[in-house]
Protein backbone atom coordinates (compact mmCIF):
# COMPACT_ATOMS: atom_id res chain seq x y z
CA MET A 1 95.17 94.75 103.46
CA SER A 2 96.74 97.70 104.77
CA LYS A 3 100.13 98.03 105.50
CA PHE A 4 101.31 97.44 109.43
CA ASP A 5 102.72 100.79 110.95
CA SER A 6 103.57 99.93 114.49
CA LYS A 7 99.80 101.11 115.57
CA ASP A 8 97.92 98.51 117.35
CA PRO A 9 99.44 95.16 116.41
CA ILE A 10 96.40 93.07 117.73
CA THR A 11 93.99 94.56 115.50
CA TRP A 12 96.27 94.44 112.51
CA ILE A 13 96.92 91.07 112.99
CA LEU A 14 93.50 89.86 113.15
CA GLN A 15 92.76 91.38 110.08
CA MET A 16 95.84 89.63 108.68
CA GLU A 17 94.45 86.13 109.77
CA LYS A 18 90.80 86.98 108.21
CA TYR A 19 93.05 87.81 104.84
CA PHE A 20 94.76 84.59 105.61
CA ASP A 21 91.33 82.49 105.62
CA LEU A 22 89.98 84.33 103.12
CA HIS A 23 92.41 83.08 100.77
CA ASN A 24 93.18 79.77 102.31
CA VAL A 25 96.70 80.60 102.72
CA GLN A 26 99.21 77.72 103.93
CA ASN A 27 100.79 78.40 107.69
CA THR A 28 104.52 78.15 105.79
CA GLN A 29 103.69 80.85 103.58
CA LYS A 30 102.35 83.45 106.27
CA VAL A 31 105.21 85.00 107.66
CA HIS A 32 106.39 85.93 104.23
CA ILE A 33 103.24 87.44 103.26
CA ILE A 34 103.43 89.30 106.43
CA THR A 35 106.65 90.73 105.72
CA ILE A 36 105.20 92.27 102.13
CA TYR A 37 102.74 94.20 104.55
CA LEU A 38 105.54 95.76 107.03
CA GLU A 39 106.41 99.59 106.64
CA PRO A 40 109.72 100.06 106.29
CA ASN A 41 110.71 100.59 109.50
CA GLN A 42 108.56 97.26 111.08
CA PHE A 43 110.49 95.49 108.01
CA VAL A 44 113.55 96.92 109.61
CA TRP A 45 112.60 95.60 112.90
CA TYR A 46 111.65 92.03 111.30
CA ARG A 47 115.40 91.96 109.71
CA TRP A 48 116.69 92.22 113.59
CA LEU A 49 114.20 89.83 114.75
CA CYS A 50 115.12 86.96 112.06
CA SER A 51 119.15 88.00 112.85
CA HIS A 52 118.62 87.05 116.47
CA LYS A 53 116.50 84.47 115.89
CA ARG A 54 117.53 81.06 113.98
CA ILE A 55 113.76 80.18 113.16
CA VAL A 56 110.89 83.10 112.80
CA ALA A 57 107.96 80.96 113.08
CA ARG A 58 104.21 82.76 113.02
CA SER A 59 103.63 82.20 116.26
CA ASN A 60 106.73 83.58 117.66
CA PHE A 61 106.51 86.27 115.12
CA LEU A 62 103.30 87.30 116.07
CA ASP A 63 104.22 87.11 120.08
CA GLU A 64 107.23 89.05 119.42
CA MET A 65 105.46 91.70 117.46
CA ILE A 66 102.87 92.11 120.41
CA ALA A 67 105.46 92.28 122.77
CA HIS A 68 107.52 94.96 120.78
CA TYR A 69 104.87 97.49 119.52
CA GLU A 70 102.01 96.84 122.59
CA ASP A 71 105.46 98.14 125.02
CA THR A 72 105.99 100.72 122.73
CA ILE A 73 102.44 102.02 122.83
CA SER A 74 101.99 101.19 126.70
CA ASN A 75 104.98 103.43 127.20
CA MET A 76 103.39 106.24 125.42
CA PHE A 77 100.13 106.18 127.17
CA PHE A 78 102.54 106.05 130.20
CA GLY A 79 103.85 109.00 129.39
CA GLN A 80 100.46 110.77 128.35
CA LEU A 81 99.06 109.42 132.03
CA ILE A 82 101.67 110.75 134.41
CA ASN A 83 101.82 114.25 132.07
CA LEU A 84 97.92 114.73 132.51
CA LYS A 85 96.89 117.65 134.25
CA GLN A 86 93.45 118.69 135.39
CA LYS A 87 91.79 121.45 133.11
CA GLY A 88 88.62 121.40 133.71
CA SER A 89 86.00 119.77 136.14
CA MET A 90 87.13 116.90 138.27
CA MET A 91 84.34 114.14 136.65
CA ASN A 92 85.95 114.97 133.31
CA HIS A 93 89.68 114.97 134.69
CA ILE A 94 88.71 111.45 135.81
CA GLU A 95 87.48 110.43 132.62
CA ASP A 96 90.41 111.40 130.70
CA PHE A 97 92.58 109.83 133.32
CA GLN A 98 90.44 106.66 133.14
CA LYS A 99 90.61 106.42 129.45
CA LEU A 100 94.28 106.28 130.07
CA ASN A 101 94.58 104.48 132.99
CA ILE A 102 93.23 101.14 131.09
CA ARG A 103 95.99 100.99 128.44
CA VAL A 104 98.62 101.31 130.98
CA LYS A 105 100.14 98.19 132.45
CA TYR A 106 103.29 98.76 134.85
CA ILE A 107 101.52 100.70 136.95
CA PRO A 108 100.78 98.68 140.26
CA GLU A 109 97.51 99.24 141.62
CA GLU A 110 98.01 100.27 144.99
CA HIS A 111 100.22 103.42 143.28
CA ARG A 112 97.28 104.27 140.45
CA ILE A 113 95.29 106.70 143.46
CA ASP A 114 98.59 108.12 143.80
CA VAL A 115 99.08 109.01 140.26
CA LEU A 116 95.66 110.53 139.97
CA ILE A 117 96.05 112.60 143.08
CA GLY A 118 99.29 113.73 141.11
CA THR A 119 97.57 115.25 138.15
CA LEU A 120 94.84 117.12 140.10
CA LYS A 121 94.49 120.71 140.60
CA ILE A 122 95.44 121.60 144.09
CA THR A 123 92.02 122.79 144.79
CA SER A 124 90.79 119.60 143.61
CA TYR A 125 93.29 117.81 145.61
CA MET A 126 92.55 119.46 148.60
CA MET A 127 88.54 119.06 148.40
CA LEU A 128 89.18 115.49 148.29
CA SER A 129 88.34 114.02 151.96
CA PHE A 130 89.14 110.42 153.17
CA GLY A 131 85.60 109.05 152.29
CA ASN A 132 85.75 110.72 149.06
CA LEU A 133 89.16 109.21 148.49
CA ILE A 134 87.83 105.61 149.19
CA TYR A 135 84.64 106.65 146.68
CA TRP A 136 87.22 107.40 144.07
CA ARG A 137 89.53 104.56 144.53
CA ARG A 138 86.18 102.14 144.26
CA ASN A 139 84.77 104.07 141.09
CA LEU A 140 88.28 103.85 139.27
CA GLY A 141 88.05 100.09 139.99
CA TRP A 142 90.81 99.96 142.63
CA GLN A 143 90.35 97.70 145.68
CA GLU A 144 90.42 99.41 148.91
CA LYS A 145 93.85 98.10 150.97
CA TRP A 146 93.58 100.52 153.81
CA ASN A 147 92.27 97.71 156.04
C-alpha cells in the first residue's frame, strides 16, 4: 500500500478500503492503520485534526481528509484555469479549458463563459458572434440564461 501524499484522496481511500477488506481489518483499527500510511506533512495535518476534535472516528477522518485535500486540489485547478491562455486553435484551447473546468467547483455556471472568454486570444474572442457564443455555451455543458 502506498503512502498518502495529498494527491487524489478519494482514490487513495478506495485503495485503503480494498486493503482493509483483503486483510479483514476491524473498524476500530482502521484509523490507526491509515495514520501509518500518511506522509510526514499529512501526519502533521492528522495531529492537528486530533487536537481540534475529541474523537477522530473513521468516517469523520475520511470526510475531513476529502474536504481538506480536495479543496487544495480544486484551488490548484482554479489557479490553472484562470491563468490559462490560448496558444493554439480555439478547439484545442476549449479542450484544455474543459479538462480544468470539470475539476473546479466554485465558479457559478453563469460565470464560466466569462472565464472562458477571458482565456481566449483577442482574435478568437472577436470571432465569436452571438450565435457562436450560444453554441459554445451549449457544447461546454452550460445552459442558456439569456431568455
